[in-house]
Amino acid sequence: MHDSTTVQDRFSFTLTRTREIRDGRVGVIYSPRYGAGWYTWNMHHANCEHLIFDPHLIDLVEQGAAPDLIEARAKALVPQGCFLAVNDLTVEWFPQGTKFIIREYDGAESIQLMEETPWLQA
C-alpha cells in the first residue's frame, strides 16, 4: 500500500510524497555500512526524503536489484544527489507515526528513534 499526500515544496510545484506501508509499518532505506551516507549525504537537496521513503526504491533494494537500477531511480528523484552508498542499502520497517532521525558517522548511517533517546531539558 502506498500512502501519499500532496504538498507544495519550496520551488512551488506540486510534489507527491509516498511511503511504502505494509502491515501498518513504513519502509525506510538507509546505509548502515561505513563509506557514504545515503540520506545524510543528500539532506541538503530538495525532495531528499524520497531517497528513504520511495516505494519503488524500497522494492528495488529488497529485490537486490543491480546498483545501476537503484541509482537511476534515485537520480530521477534527486538529480544532484550523491549515491556512493548505492551498494550498501538496507530497508527497516517502523510502525506508522514513529519519529526518528538518521544519524551518520564516517558514512555509516544509523536510525535513532525518538522514544529511545534520553532527551535533556534545560
PDB file of N, CA and C in Angstrom:
ATOM      1  N   MET A   1       0.851  -1.173   0.000  1.00  0.00           N
ATOM      2  CA  MET A   1       0.000   0.000   0.000  1.00  0.00           C
ATOM      3  C   MET A   1       0.889   1.225   0.000  1.00  0.00           C
ATOM      4  N   HIS A   2       0.523   2.195  -0.780  1.00  0.00           N
ATOM      5  CA  HIS A   2       1.270   3.442  -0.829  1.00  0.00           C
ATOM      6  C   HIS A   2       0.427   4.532  -0.196  1.00  0.00           C
ATOM      7  N   ASP A   3       1.010   5.223   0.760  1.00  0.00           N
ATOM      8  CA  ASP A   3       0.346   6.359   1.383  1.00  0.00           C
ATOM      9  C   ASP A   3       0.907   7.595   0.716  1.00  0.00           C
ATOM     10  N   SER A   4       0.064   8.448   0.209  1.00  0.00           N
ATOM     11  CA  SER A   4       0.592   9.645  -0.450  1.00  0.00           C
ATOM     12  C   SER A   4      -0.175  10.882  -0.042  1.00  0.00           C
ATOM     13  N   THR A   5       0.555  11.950   0.047  1.00  0.00           N
ATOM     14  CA  THR A   5      -0.020  13.254   0.311  1.00  0.00           C
ATOM     15  C   THR A   5       0.632  14.234  -0.638  1.00  0.00           C
ATOM     16  N   THR A   6      -0.114  15.206  -1.075  1.00  0.00           N
ATOM     17  CA  THR A   6       0.427  16.206  -1.978  1.00  0.00           C
ATOM     18  C   THR A   6       0.771  17.452  -1.182  1.00  0.00           C
ATOM     19  N   VAL A   7       1.975  17.953  -1.410  1.00  0.00           N
ATOM     20  CA  VAL A   7       2.444  19.149  -0.712  1.00  0.00           C
ATOM     21  C   VAL A   7       3.087  20.088  -1.710  1.00  0.00           C
ATOM     22  N   GLN A   8       3.219  21.338  -1.332  1.00  0.00           N
ATOM     23  CA  GLN A   8       3.960  22.296  -2.138  1.00  0.00           C
ATOM     24  C   GLN A   8       5.375  22.353  -1.596  1.00  0.00           C
ATOM     25  N   ASP A   9       6.362  22.143  -2.450  1.00  0.00           N
ATOM     26  CA  ASP A   9       7.715  22.256  -1.949  1.00  0.00           C
ATOM     27  C   ASP A   9       8.203  23.683  -2.127  1.00  0.00           C
ATOM     28  N   ARG A  10       9.437  23.942  -1.721  1.00  0.00           N
ATOM     29  CA  ARG A  10       9.930  25.323  -1.720  1.00  0.00           C
ATOM     30  C   ARG A  10      10.090  25.920  -3.106  1.00  0.00           C
ATOM     31  N   PHE A  11      10.004  25.126  -4.169  1.00  0.00           N
ATOM     32  CA  PHE A  11      10.108  25.655  -5.521  1.00  0.00           C
ATOM     33  C   PHE A  11       8.731  25.847  -6.159  1.00  0.00           C
ATOM     34  N   SER A  12       7.686  25.702  -5.371  1.00  0.00           N
ATOM     35  CA  SER A  12       6.311  25.979  -5.788  1.00  0.00           C
ATOM     36  C   SER A  12       5.769  25.066  -6.873  1.00  0.00           C
ATOM     37  N   PHE A  13       6.178  23.832  -6.901  1.00  0.00           N
ATOM     38  CA  PHE A  13       5.489  22.897  -7.772  1.00  0.00           C
ATOM     39  C   PHE A  13       4.962  21.758  -6.911  1.00  0.00           C
ATOM     40  N   THR A  14       3.944  21.106  -7.398  1.00  0.00           N
ATOM     41  CA  THR A  14       3.298  20.066  -6.614  1.00  0.00           C
ATOM     42  C   THR A  14       4.139  18.800  -6.635  1.00  0.00           C
ATOM     43  N   LEU A  15       4.293  18.230  -5.466  1.00  0.00           N
ATOM     44  CA  LEU A  15       5.106  17.040  -5.293  1.00  0.00           C
ATOM     45  C   LEU A  15       4.288  16.025  -4.512  1.00  0.00           C
ATOM     46  N   THR A  16       4.275  14.802  -4.959  1.00  0.00           N
ATOM     47  CA  THR A  16       3.569  13.759  -4.218  1.00  0.00           C
ATOM     48  C   THR A  16       4.598  12.944  -3.458  1.00  0.00           C
ATOM     49  N   ARG A  17       4.463  12.953  -2.144  1.00  0.00           N
ATOM     50  CA  ARG A  17       5.349  12.151  -1.300  1.00  0.00           C
ATOM     51  C   ARG A  17       4.612  10.859  -0.978  1.00  0.00           C
ATOM     52  N   THR A  18       5.275   9.755  -1.192  1.00  0.00           N
ATOM     53  CA  THR A  18       4.644   8.478  -0.906  1.00  0.00           C
ATOM     54  C   THR A  18       5.526   7.669   0.028  1.00  0.00           C
ATOM     55  N   ARG A  19       4.902   6.763   0.721  1.00  0.00           N
ATOM     56  CA  ARG A  19       5.599   5.852   1.622  1.00  0.00           C
ATOM     57  C   ARG A  19       5.069   4.448   1.371  1.00  0.00           C
ATOM     58  N   GLU A  20       5.935   3.484   1.481  1.00  0.00           N
ATOM     59  CA  GLU A  20       5.534   2.089   1.359  1.00  0.00           C
ATOM     60  C   GLU A  20       5.087   1.621   2.736  1.00  0.00           C
ATOM     61  N   ILE A  21       3.840   1.182   2.825  1.00  0.00           N
ATOM     62  CA  ILE A  21       3.280   0.740   4.095  1.00  0.00           C
ATOM     63  C   ILE A  21       2.829  -0.705   3.958  1.00  0.00           C
ATOM     64  N   ARG A  22       3.335  -1.544   4.858  1.00  0.00           N
ATOM     65  CA  ARG A  22       2.953  -2.962   4.891  1.00  0.00           C
ATOM     66  C   ARG A  22       2.617  -3.326   6.330  1.00  0.00           C
ATOM     67  N   ASP A  23       1.442  -3.838   6.530  1.00  0.00           N
ATOM     68  CA  ASP A  23       1.004  -4.249   7.869  1.00  0.00           C
ATOM     69  C   ASP A  23       1.191  -3.132   8.893  1.00  0.00           C
ATOM     70  N   GLY A  24       0.896  -1.896   8.492  1.00  0.00           N
ATOM     71  CA  GLY A  24       0.990  -0.760   9.406  1.00  0.00           C
ATOM     72  C   GLY A  24       2.402  -0.277   9.668  1.00  0.00           C
ATOM     73  N   ARG A  25       3.363  -0.790   8.891  1.00  0.00           N
ATOM     74  CA  ARG A  25       4.754  -0.387   9.068  1.00  0.00           C
ATOM     75  C   ARG A  25       5.242   0.325   7.812  1.00  0.00           C
ATOM     76  N   VAL A  26       6.103   1.329   7.999  1.00  0.00           N
ATOM     77  CA  VAL A  26       6.628   2.134   6.903  1.00  0.00           C
ATOM     78  C   VAL A  26       8.071   1.725   6.624  1.00  0.00           C
ATOM     79  N   GLY A  27       8.396   1.515   5.361  1.00  0.00           N
ATOM     80  CA  GLY A  27       9.753   1.163   4.966  1.00  0.00           C
ATOM     81  C   GLY A  27      10.650   2.393   4.921  1.00  0.00           C
ATOM     82  N   VAL A  28      11.873   2.245   5.423  1.00  0.00           N
ATOM     83  CA  VAL A  28      12.864   3.320   5.448  1.00  0.00           C
ATOM     84  C   VAL A  28      14.193   2.758   4.928  1.00  0.00           C
ATOM     85  N   ILE A  29      14.748   3.399   3.903  1.00  0.00           N
ATOM     86  CA  ILE A  29      16.028   2.982   3.334  1.00  0.00           C
ATOM     87  C   ILE A  29      17.142   3.791   3.987  1.00  0.00           C
ATOM     88  N   TYR A  30      18.235   3.107   4.327  1.00  0.00           N
ATOM     89  CA  TYR A  30      19.429   3.801   4.820  1.00  0.00           C
ATOM     90  C   TYR A  30      20.647   2.933   4.540  1.00  0.00           C
ATOM     91  N   SER A  31      21.831   3.481   4.800  1.00  0.00           N
ATOM     92  CA  SER A  31      23.080   2.789   4.528  1.00  0.00           C
ATOM     93  C   SER A  31      23.846   2.581   5.833  1.00  0.00           C
ATOM     94  N   PRO A  32      23.800   1.373   6.408  1.00  0.00           N
ATOM     95  CA  PRO A  32      24.423   1.146   7.709  1.00  0.00           C
ATOM     96  C   PRO A  32      25.934   0.885   7.680  1.00  0.00           C
ATOM     97  N   ARG A  33      26.516   0.792   6.507  1.00  0.00           N
ATOM     98  CA  ARG A  33      27.946   0.476   6.434  1.00  0.00           C
ATOM     99  C   ARG A  33      28.782   1.744   6.268  1.00  0.00           C
ATOM    100  N   TYR A  34      30.017   1.678   6.709  1.00  0.00           N
ATOM    101  CA  TYR A  34      30.936   2.810   6.584  1.00  0.00           C
ATOM    102  C   TYR A  34      31.230   3.097   5.125  1.00  0.00           C
ATOM    103  N   GLY A  35      31.422   4.354   4.810  1.00  0.00           N
ATOM    104  CA  GLY A  35      31.762   4.751   3.445  1.00  0.00           C
ATOM    105  C   GLY A  35      31.054   6.019   3.028  1.00  0.00           C
ATOM    106  N   ALA A  36      29.756   5.941   2.802  1.00  0.00           N
ATOM    107  CA  ALA A  36      28.989   7.106   2.357  1.00  0.00           C
ATOM    108  C   ALA A  36      27.564   6.999   2.883  1.00  0.00           C
ATOM    109  N   GLY A  37      27.011   8.117   3.277  1.00  0.00           N
ATOM    110  CA  GLY A  37      25.624   8.137   3.723  1.00  0.00           C
ATOM    111  C   GLY A  37      24.674   8.226   2.543  1.00  0.00           C
ATOM    112  N   TRP A  38      23.575   7.510   2.613  1.00  0.00           N
ATOM    113  CA  TRP A  38      22.555   7.556   1.554  1.00  0.00           C
ATOM    114  C   TRP A  38      21.663   8.780   1.723  1.00  0.00           C
ATOM    115  N   TYR A  39      21.047   8.912   2.881  1.00  0.00           N
ATOM    116  CA  TYR A  39      20.178  10.059   3.158  1.00  0.00           C
ATOM    117  C   TYR A  39      20.986  11.238   3.692  1.00  0.00           C
ATOM    118  N   THR A  40      21.867  10.983   4.635  1.00  0.00           N
ATOM    119  CA  THR A  40      22.575  12.069   5.316  1.00  0.00           C
ATOM    120  C   THR A  40      23.480  12.857   4.386  1.00  0.00           C
ATOM    121  N   TRP A  41      23.982  12.250   3.355  1.00  0.00           N
ATOM    122  CA  TRP A  41      24.831  12.969   2.413  1.00  0.00           C
ATOM    123  C   TRP A  41      24.003  13.709   1.366  1.00  0.00           C
ATOM    124  N   ASN A  42      22.690  13.592   1.452  1.00  0.00           N
ATOM    125  CA  ASN A  42      21.796  14.256   0.491  1.00  0.00           C
ATOM    126  C   ASN A  42      20.756  15.147   1.157  1.00  0.00           C
ATOM    127  N   MET A  43      20.875  15.352   2.460  1.00  0.00           N
ATOM    128  CA  MET A  43      19.858  16.102   3.206  1.00  0.00           C
ATOM    129  C   MET A  43      19.681  17.538   2.718  1.00  0.00           C
ATOM    130  N   HIS A  44      20.680  18.093   2.092  1.00  0.00           N
ATOM    131  CA  HIS A  44      20.608  19.483   1.628  1.00  0.00           C
ATOM    132  C   HIS A  44      19.876  19.626   0.288  1.00  0.00           C
ATOM    133  N   HIS A  45      19.515  18.524  -0.333  1.00  0.00           N
ATOM    134  CA  HIS A  45      18.804  18.576  -1.614  1.00  0.00           C
ATOM    135  C   HIS A  45      17.289  18.579  -1.402  1.00  0.00           C
ATOM    136  N   ALA A  46      16.600  19.306  -2.275  1.00  0.00           N
ATOM    137  CA  ALA A  46      15.136  19.269  -2.254  1.00  0.00           C
ATOM    138  C   ALA A  46      14.681  17.831  -2.509  1.00  0.00           C
ATOM    139  N   ASN A  47      13.617  17.440  -1.894  1.00  0.00           N
ATOM    140  CA  ASN A  47      12.997  16.119  -2.094  1.00  0.00           C
ATOM    141  C   ASN A  47      13.838  14.951  -1.585  1.00  0.00           C
ATOM    142  N   CYS A  48      14.818  15.225  -0.723  1.00  0.00           N
ATOM    143  CA  CYS A  48      15.711  14.151  -0.265  1.00  0.00           C
ATOM    144  C   CYS A  48      14.970  13.049   0.486  1.00  0.00           C
ATOM    145  N   GLU A  49      13.813  13.334   1.067  1.00  0.00           N
ATOM    146  CA  GLU A  49      13.056  12.296   1.782  1.00  0.00           C
ATOM    147  C   GLU A  49      12.631  11.159   0.857  1.00  0.00           C
ATOM    148  N   HIS A  50      12.538  11.439  -0.427  1.00  0.00           N
ATOM    149  CA  HIS A  50      12.195  10.370  -1.374  1.00  0.00           C
ATOM    150  C   HIS A  50      13.229   9.253  -1.338  1.00  0.00           C
ATOM    151  N   LEU A  51      14.472   9.584  -1.039  1.00  0.00           N
ATOM    152  CA  LEU A  51      15.522   8.563  -1.024  1.00  0.00           C
ATOM    153  C   LEU A  51      15.316   7.531   0.073  1.00  0.00           C
ATOM    154  N   ILE A  52      14.580   7.875   1.110  1.00  0.00           N
ATOM    155  CA  ILE A  52      14.351   6.898   2.180  1.00  0.00           C
ATOM    156  C   ILE A  52      12.951   6.287   2.147  1.00  0.00           C
ATOM    157  N   PHE A  53      11.990   6.974   1.520  1.00  0.00           N
ATOM    158  CA  PHE A  53      10.602   6.507   1.556  1.00  0.00           C
ATOM    159  C   PHE A  53      10.042   5.996   0.228  1.00  0.00           C
ATOM    160  N   ASP A  54      10.684   6.257  -0.887  1.00  0.00           N
ATOM    161  CA  ASP A  54      10.110   5.937  -2.198  1.00  0.00           C
ATOM    162  C   ASP A  54       9.801   4.440  -2.345  1.00  0.00           C
ATOM    163  N   PRO A  55       8.536   4.099  -2.613  1.00  0.00           N
ATOM    164  CA  PRO A  55       8.149   2.693  -2.741  1.00  0.00           C
ATOM    165  C   PRO A  55       8.929   1.929  -3.811  1.00  0.00           C
ATOM    166  N   HIS A  56       9.242   2.588  -4.929  1.00  0.00           N
ATOM    167  CA  HIS A  56       9.985   1.913  -5.995  1.00  0.00           C
ATOM    168  C   HIS A  56      11.415   1.612  -5.555  1.00  0.00           C
ATOM    169  N   LEU A  57      12.046   2.560  -4.869  1.00  0.00           N
ATOM    170  CA  LEU A  57      13.384   2.303  -4.341  1.00  0.00           C
ATOM    171  C   LEU A  57      13.366   1.169  -3.321  1.00  0.00           C
ATOM    172  N   ILE A  58      12.373   1.174  -2.454  1.00  0.00           N
ATOM    173  CA  ILE A  58      12.269   0.109  -1.457  1.00  0.00           C
ATOM    174  C   ILE A  58      12.160  -1.248  -2.138  1.00  0.00           C
ATOM    175  N   ASP A  59      11.320  -1.341  -3.163  1.00  0.00           N
ATOM    176  CA  ASP A  59      11.188  -2.603  -3.895  1.00  0.00           C
ATOM    177  C   ASP A  59      12.519  -3.023  -4.527  1.00  0.00           C
ATOM    178  N   LEU A  60      13.218  -2.070  -5.147  1.00  0.00           N
ATOM    179  CA  LEU A  60      14.493  -2.386  -5.787  1.00  0.00           C
ATOM    180  C   LEU A  60      15.519  -2.886  -4.775  1.00  0.00           C
ATOM    181  N   VAL A  61      15.608  -2.210  -3.635  1.00  0.00           N
ATOM    182  CA  VAL A  61      16.567  -2.613  -2.603  1.00  0.00           C
ATOM    183  C   VAL A  61      16.215  -3.998  -2.063  1.00  0.00           C
ATOM    184  N   GLU A  62      14.961  -4.220  -1.764  1.00  0.00           N
ATOM    185  CA  GLU A  62      14.555  -5.517  -1.218  1.00  0.00           C
ATOM    186  C   GLU A  62      14.734  -6.662  -2.216  1.00  0.00           C
ATOM    187  N   GLN A  63      14.604  -6.372  -3.493  1.00  0.00           N
ATOM    188  CA  GLN A  63      14.775  -7.401  -4.520  1.00  0.00           C
ATOM    189  C   GLN A  63      16.242  -7.663  -4.844  1.00  0.00           C
ATOM    190  N   GLY A  64      17.130  -6.836  -4.287  1.00  0.00           N
ATOM    191  CA  GLY A  64      18.555  -6.987  -4.584  1.00  0.00           C
ATOM    192  C   GLY A  64      18.881  -6.571  -6.008  1.00  0.00           C
ATOM    193  N   ALA A  65      18.179  -5.567  -6.500  1.00  0.00           N
ATOM    194  CA  ALA A  65      18.381  -5.085  -7.872  1.00  0.00           C
ATOM    195  C   ALA A  65      19.807  -4.581  -8.064  1.00  0.00           C
ATOM    196  N   ALA A  66      20.225  -4.540  -9.300  1.00  0.00           N
ATOM    197  CA  ALA A  66      21.564  -4.042  -9.641  1.00  0.00           C
ATOM    198  C   ALA A  66      21.707  -2.594  -9.182  1.00  0.00           C
ATOM    199  N   PRO A  67      22.875  -2.243  -8.662  1.00  0.00           N
ATOM    200  CA  PRO A  67      23.092  -0.868  -8.187  1.00  0.00           C
ATOM    201  C   PRO A  67      22.791   0.206  -9.224  1.00  0.00           C
ATOM    202  N   ASP A  68      23.057  -0.073 -10.511  1.00  0.00           N
ATOM    203  CA  ASP A  68      22.796   0.950 -11.525  1.00  0.00           C
ATOM    204  C   ASP A  68      21.297   1.221 -11.674  1.00  0.00           C
ATOM    205  N   LEU A  69      20.450   0.220 -11.442  1.00  0.00           N
ATOM    206  CA  LEU A  69      18.996   0.440 -11.485  1.00  0.00           C
ATOM    207  C   LEU A  69      18.535   1.274 -10.286  1.00  0.00           C
ATOM    208  N   ILE A  70      19.092   0.979  -9.119  1.00  0.00           N
ATOM    209  CA  ILE A  70      18.751   1.741  -7.914  1.00  0.00           C
ATOM    210  C   ILE A  70      19.208   3.192  -8.076  1.00  0.00           C
ATOM    211  N   GLU A  71      20.426   3.365  -8.573  1.00  0.00           N
ATOM    212  CA  GLU A  71      20.959   4.717  -8.761  1.00  0.00           C
ATOM    213  C   GLU A  71      20.153   5.501  -9.793  1.00  0.00           C
ATOM    214  N   ALA A  72      19.717   4.850 -10.857  1.00  0.00           N
ATOM    215  CA  ALA A  72      18.914   5.536 -11.880  1.00  0.00           C
ATOM    216  C   ALA A  72      17.615   6.052 -11.274  1.00  0.00           C
ATOM    217  N   ARG A  73      16.963   5.240 -10.444  1.00  0.00           N
ATOM    218  CA  ARG A  73      15.728   5.688  -9.787  1.00  0.00           C
ATOM    219  C   ARG A  73      16.029   6.838  -8.838  1.00  0.00           C
ATOM    220  N   ALA A  74      17.103   6.725  -8.059  1.00  0.00           N
ATOM    221  CA  ALA A  74      17.477   7.787  -7.116  1.00  0.00           C
ATOM    222  C   ALA A  74      17.766   9.098  -7.843  1.00  0.00           C
ATOM    223  N   LYS A  75      18.452   9.025  -8.971  1.00  0.00           N
ATOM    224  CA  LYS A  75      18.757  10.239  -9.757  1.00  0.00           C
ATOM    225  C   LYS A  75      17.489  10.877 -10.314  1.00  0.00           C
ATOM    226  N   ALA A  76      16.503  10.065 -10.635  1.00  0.00           N
ATOM    227  CA  ALA A  76      15.227  10.609 -11.116  1.00  0.00           C
ATOM    228  C   ALA A  76      14.529  11.388  -9.999  1.00  0.00           C
ATOM    229  N   LEU A  77      14.751  10.978  -8.753  1.00  0.00           N
ATOM    230  CA  LEU A  77      14.113  11.634  -7.608  1.00  0.00           C
ATOM    231  C   LEU A  77      14.902  12.832  -7.114  1.00  0.00           C
ATOM    232  N   VAL A  78      16.224  12.693  -7.072  1.00  0.00           N
ATOM    233  CA  VAL A  78      17.121  13.749  -6.567  1.00  0.00           C
ATOM    234  C   VAL A  78      18.285  13.856  -7.559  1.00  0.00           C
ATOM    235  N   PRO A  79      18.096  14.608  -8.642  1.00  0.00           N
ATOM    236  CA  PRO A  79      19.082  14.635  -9.738  1.00  0.00           C
ATOM    237  C   PRO A  79      20.507  15.027  -9.324  1.00  0.00           C
ATOM    238  N   GLN A  80      20.671  15.887  -8.347  1.00  0.00           N
ATOM    239  CA  GLN A  80      22.001  16.343  -7.947  1.00  0.00           C
ATOM    240  C   GLN A  80      22.581  15.530  -6.792  1.00  0.00           C
ATOM    241  N   GLY A  81      21.972  14.409  -6.466  1.00  0.00           N
ATOM    242  CA  GLY A  81      22.365  13.641  -5.291  1.00  0.00           C
ATOM    243  C   GLY A  81      23.692  12.914  -5.406  1.00  0.00           C
ATOM    244  N   CYS A  82      24.186  12.493  -4.256  1.00  0.00           N
ATOM    245  CA  CYS A  82      25.390  11.679  -4.136  1.00  0.00           C
ATOM    246  C   CYS A  82      24.935  10.264  -3.786  1.00  0.00           C
ATOM    247  N   PHE A  83      25.259   9.312  -4.631  1.00  0.00           N
ATOM    248  CA  PHE A  83      24.753   7.957  -4.462  1.00  0.00           C
ATOM    249  C   PHE A  83      25.863   6.920  -4.292  1.00  0.00           C
ATOM    250  N   LEU A  84      26.939   7.312  -3.636  1.00  0.00           N
ATOM    251  CA  LEU A  84      28.060   6.405  -3.407  1.00  0.00           C
ATOM    252  C   LEU A  84      27.673   5.210  -2.540  1.00  0.00           C
ATOM    253  N   ALA A  85      26.630   5.340  -1.751  1.00  0.00           N
ATOM    254  CA  ALA A  85      26.200   4.264  -0.844  1.00  0.00           C
ATOM    255  C   ALA A  85      25.277   3.256  -1.514  1.00  0.00           C
ATOM    256  N   VAL A  86      25.096   3.344  -2.805  1.00  0.00           N
ATOM    257  CA  VAL A  86      24.117   2.516  -3.501  1.00  0.00           C
ATOM    258  C   VAL A  86      24.345   1.011  -3.290  1.00  0.00           C
ATOM    259  N   ASN A  87      25.555   0.596  -3.029  1.00  0.00           N
ATOM    260  CA  ASN A  87      25.847  -0.832  -2.826  1.00  0.00           C
ATOM    261  C   ASN A  87      25.572  -1.306  -1.409  1.00  0.00           C
ATOM    262  N   ASP A  88      25.263  -0.400  -0.499  1.00  0.00           N
ATOM    263  CA  ASP A  88      25.179  -0.732   0.924  1.00  0.00           C
ATOM    264  C   ASP A  88      23.824  -0.422   1.544  1.00  0.00           C
ATOM    265  N   LEU A  89      22.764  -0.515   0.795  1.00  0.00           N
ATOM    266  CA  LEU A  89      21.452  -0.104   1.297  1.00  0.00           C
ATOM    267  C   LEU A  89      20.686  -1.244   1.955  1.00  0.00           C
ATOM    268  N   THR A  90      19.881  -0.875   2.928  1.00  0.00           N
ATOM    269  CA  THR A  90      19.001  -1.821   3.591  1.00  0.00           C
ATOM    270  C   THR A  90      17.675  -1.129   3.886  1.00  0.00           C
ATOM    271  N   VAL A  91      16.640  -1.904   4.121  1.00  0.00           N
ATOM    272  CA  VAL A  91      15.320  -1.364   4.448  1.00  0.00           C
ATOM    273  C   VAL A  91      14.943  -1.825   5.849  1.00  0.00           C
ATOM    274  N   GLU A  92      14.537  -0.890   6.682  1.00  0.00           N
ATOM    275  CA  GLU A  92      13.995  -1.193   8.010  1.00  0.00           C
ATOM    276  C   GLU A  92      12.525  -0.793   7.997  1.00  0.00           C
ATOM    277  N   TRP A  93      11.726  -1.465   8.796  1.00  0.00           N
ATOM    278  CA  TRP A  93      10.287  -1.205   8.848  1.00  0.00           C
ATOM    279  C   TRP A  93       9.901  -0.727  10.240  1.00  0.00           C
ATOM    280  N   PHE A  94       9.178   0.396  10.300  1.00  0.00           N
ATOM    281  CA  PHE A  94       8.772   1.002  11.561  1.00  0.00           C
ATOM    282  C   PHE A  94       7.270   1.240  11.569  1.00  0.00           C
ATOM    283  N   PRO A  95       6.628   1.144  12.736  1.00  0.00           N
ATOM    284  CA  PRO A  95       5.195   1.446  12.805  1.00  0.00           C
ATOM    285  C   PRO A  95       4.918   2.864  12.303  1.00  0.00           C
ATOM    286  N   GLN A  96       3.812   3.021  11.584  1.00  0.00           N
ATOM    287  CA  GLN A  96       3.418   4.340  11.107  1.00  0.00           C
ATOM    288  C   GLN A  96       3.411   5.319  12.268  1.00  0.00           C
ATOM    289  N   GLY A  97       3.920   6.516  12.033  1.00  0.00           N
ATOM    290  CA  GLY A  97       3.939   7.549  13.051  1.00  0.00           C
ATOM    291  C   GLY A  97       5.183   7.555  13.919  1.00  0.00           C
ATOM    292  N   THR A  98       6.062   6.564  13.755  1.00  0.00           N
ATOM    293  CA  THR A  98       7.299   6.525  14.536  1.00  0.00           C
ATOM    294  C   THR A  98       8.156   7.733  14.190  1.00  0.00           C
ATOM    295  N   LYS A  99       8.626   8.437  15.209  1.00  0.00           N
ATOM    296  CA  LYS A  99       9.511   9.580  14.997  1.00  0.00           C
ATOM    297  C   LYS A  99      10.948   9.097  15.110  1.00  0.00           C
ATOM    298  N   PHE A 100      11.756   9.482  14.116  1.00  0.00           N
ATOM    299  CA  PHE A 100      13.142   9.034  14.083  1.00  0.00           C
ATOM    300  C   PHE A 100      14.016  10.068  13.381  1.00  0.00           C
ATOM    301  N   ILE A 101      15.313   9.910  13.567  1.00  0.00           N
ATOM    302  CA  ILE A 101      16.284  10.668  12.792  1.00  0.00           C
ATOM    303  C   ILE A 101      17.317   9.672  12.279  1.00  0.00           C
ATOM    304  N   ILE A 102      17.947  10.023  11.183  1.00  0.00           N
ATOM    305  CA  ILE A 102      19.029   9.210  10.655  1.00  0.00           C
ATOM    306  C   ILE A 102      20.324   9.950  10.961  1.00  0.00           C
ATOM    307  N   ARG A 103      21.191   9.292  11.674  1.00  0.00           N
ATOM    308  CA  ARG A 103      22.492   9.853  12.042  1.00  0.00           C
ATOM    309  C   ARG A 103      23.561   9.179  11.186  1.00  0.00           C
ATOM    310  N   GLU A 104      24.685   9.880  11.054  1.00  0.00           N
ATOM    311  CA  GLU A 104      25.775   9.349  10.246  1.00  0.00           C
ATOM    312  C   GLU A 104      27.098   9.578  10.955  1.00  0.00           C
ATOM    313  N   TYR A 105      27.947   8.558  10.934  1.00  0.00           N
ATOM    314  CA  TYR A 105      29.319   8.685  11.409  1.00  0.00           C
ATOM    315  C   TYR A 105      30.212   7.967  10.410  1.00  0.00           C
ATOM    316  N   ASP A 106      31.107   8.711   9.794  1.00  0.00           N
ATOM    317  CA  ASP A 106      32.061   8.155   8.838  1.00  0.00           C
ATOM    318  C   ASP A 106      31.352   7.401   7.715  1.00  0.00           C
ATOM    319  N   GLY A 107      30.210   7.914   7.316  1.00  0.00           N
ATOM    320  CA  GLY A 107      29.454   7.321   6.215  1.00  0.00           C
ATOM    321  C   GLY A 107      28.454   6.270   6.627  1.00  0.00           C
ATOM    322  N   ALA A 108      28.592   5.727   7.835  1.00  0.00           N
ATOM    323  CA  ALA A 108      27.654   4.697   8.299  1.00  0.00           C
ATOM    324  C   ALA A 108      26.443   5.366   8.938  1.00  0.00           C
ATOM    325  N   GLU A 109      25.271   5.070   8.422  1.00  0.00           N
ATOM    326  CA  GLU A 109      24.053   5.651   8.962  1.00  0.00           C
ATOM    327  C   GLU A 109      23.424   4.719   9.994  1.00  0.00           C
ATOM    328  N   SER A 110      22.778   5.328  10.954  1.00  0.00           N
ATOM    329  CA  SER A 110      22.007   4.566  11.942  1.00  0.00           C
ATOM    330  C   SER A 110      20.705   5.314  12.177  1.00  0.00           C
ATOM    331  N   ILE A 111      19.690   4.568  12.568  1.00  0.00           N
ATOM    332  CA  ILE A 111      18.388   5.165  12.828  1.00  0.00           C
ATOM    333  C   ILE A 111      18.201   5.262  14.331  1.00  0.00           C
ATOM    334  N   GLN A 112      17.876   6.458  14.766  1.00  0.00           N
ATOM    335  CA  GLN A 112      17.660   6.719  16.190  1.00  0.00           C
ATOM    336  C   GLN A 112      16.191   7.076  16.387  1.00  0.00           C
ATOM    337  N   LEU A 113      15.506   6.258  17.181  1.00  0.00           N
ATOM    338  CA  LEU A 113      14.095   6.502  17.448  1.00  0.00           C
ATOM    339  C   LEU A 113      13.944   7.530  18.561  1.00  0.00           C
ATOM    340  N   MET A 114      12.989   8.413  18.413  1.00  0.00           N
ATOM    341  CA  MET A 114      12.757   9.441  19.412  1.00  0.00           C
ATOM    342  C   MET A 114      12.448   8.826  20.779  1.00  0.00           C
ATOM    343  N   GLU A 115      11.654   7.761  20.776  1.00  0.00           N
ATOM    344  CA  GLU A 115      11.236   7.143  22.047  1.00  0.00           C
ATOM    345  C   GLU A 115      12.392   6.457  22.777  1.00  0.00           C
ATOM    346  N   GLU A 116      13.482   6.190  22.090  1.00  0.00           N
ATOM    347  CA  GLU A 116      14.633   5.530  22.705  1.00  0.00           C
ATOM    348  C   GLU A 116      15.751   6.515  23.054  1.00  0.00           C
ATOM    349  N   THR A 117      15.499   7.797  22.846  1.00  0.00           N
ATOM    350  CA  THR A 117      16.519   8.808  23.060  1.00  0.00           C
ATOM    351  C   THR A 117      16.288   9.522  24.388  1.00  0.00           C
ATOM    352  N   PRO A 118      17.280   9.517  25.260  1.00  0.00           N
ATOM    353  CA  PRO A 118      17.125  10.244  26.540  1.00  0.00           C
ATOM    354  C   PRO A 118      17.332  11.751  26.324  1.00  0.00           C
ATOM    355  N   TRP A 119      16.245  12.473  26.184  1.00  0.00           N
ATOM    356  CA  TRP A 119      16.322  13.904  25.940  1.00  0.00           C
ATOM    357  C   TRP A 119      16.632  14.627  27.249  1.00  0.00           C
ATOM    358  N   LEU A 120      17.383  15.703  27.132  1.00  0.00           N
ATOM    359  CA  LEU A 120      17.688  16.557  28.282  1.00  0.00           C
ATOM    360  C   LEU A 120      16.796  17.780  28.211  1.00  0.00           C
ATOM    361  N   GLN A 121      16.510  18.366  29.346  1.00  0.00           N
ATOM    362  CA  GLN A 121      15.687  19.553  29.367  1.00  0.00           C
ATOM    363  C   GLN A 121      16.359  20.605  30.234  1.00  0.00           C
ATOM    364  N   ALA A 122      16.445  21.838  29.741  1.00  0.00           N
ATOM    365  CA  ALA A 122      17.077  22.929  30.476  1.00  0.00           C
ATOM    366  C   ALA A 122      16.103  23.535  31.478  1.00  0.00           C
TER     367      ALA A 122
END
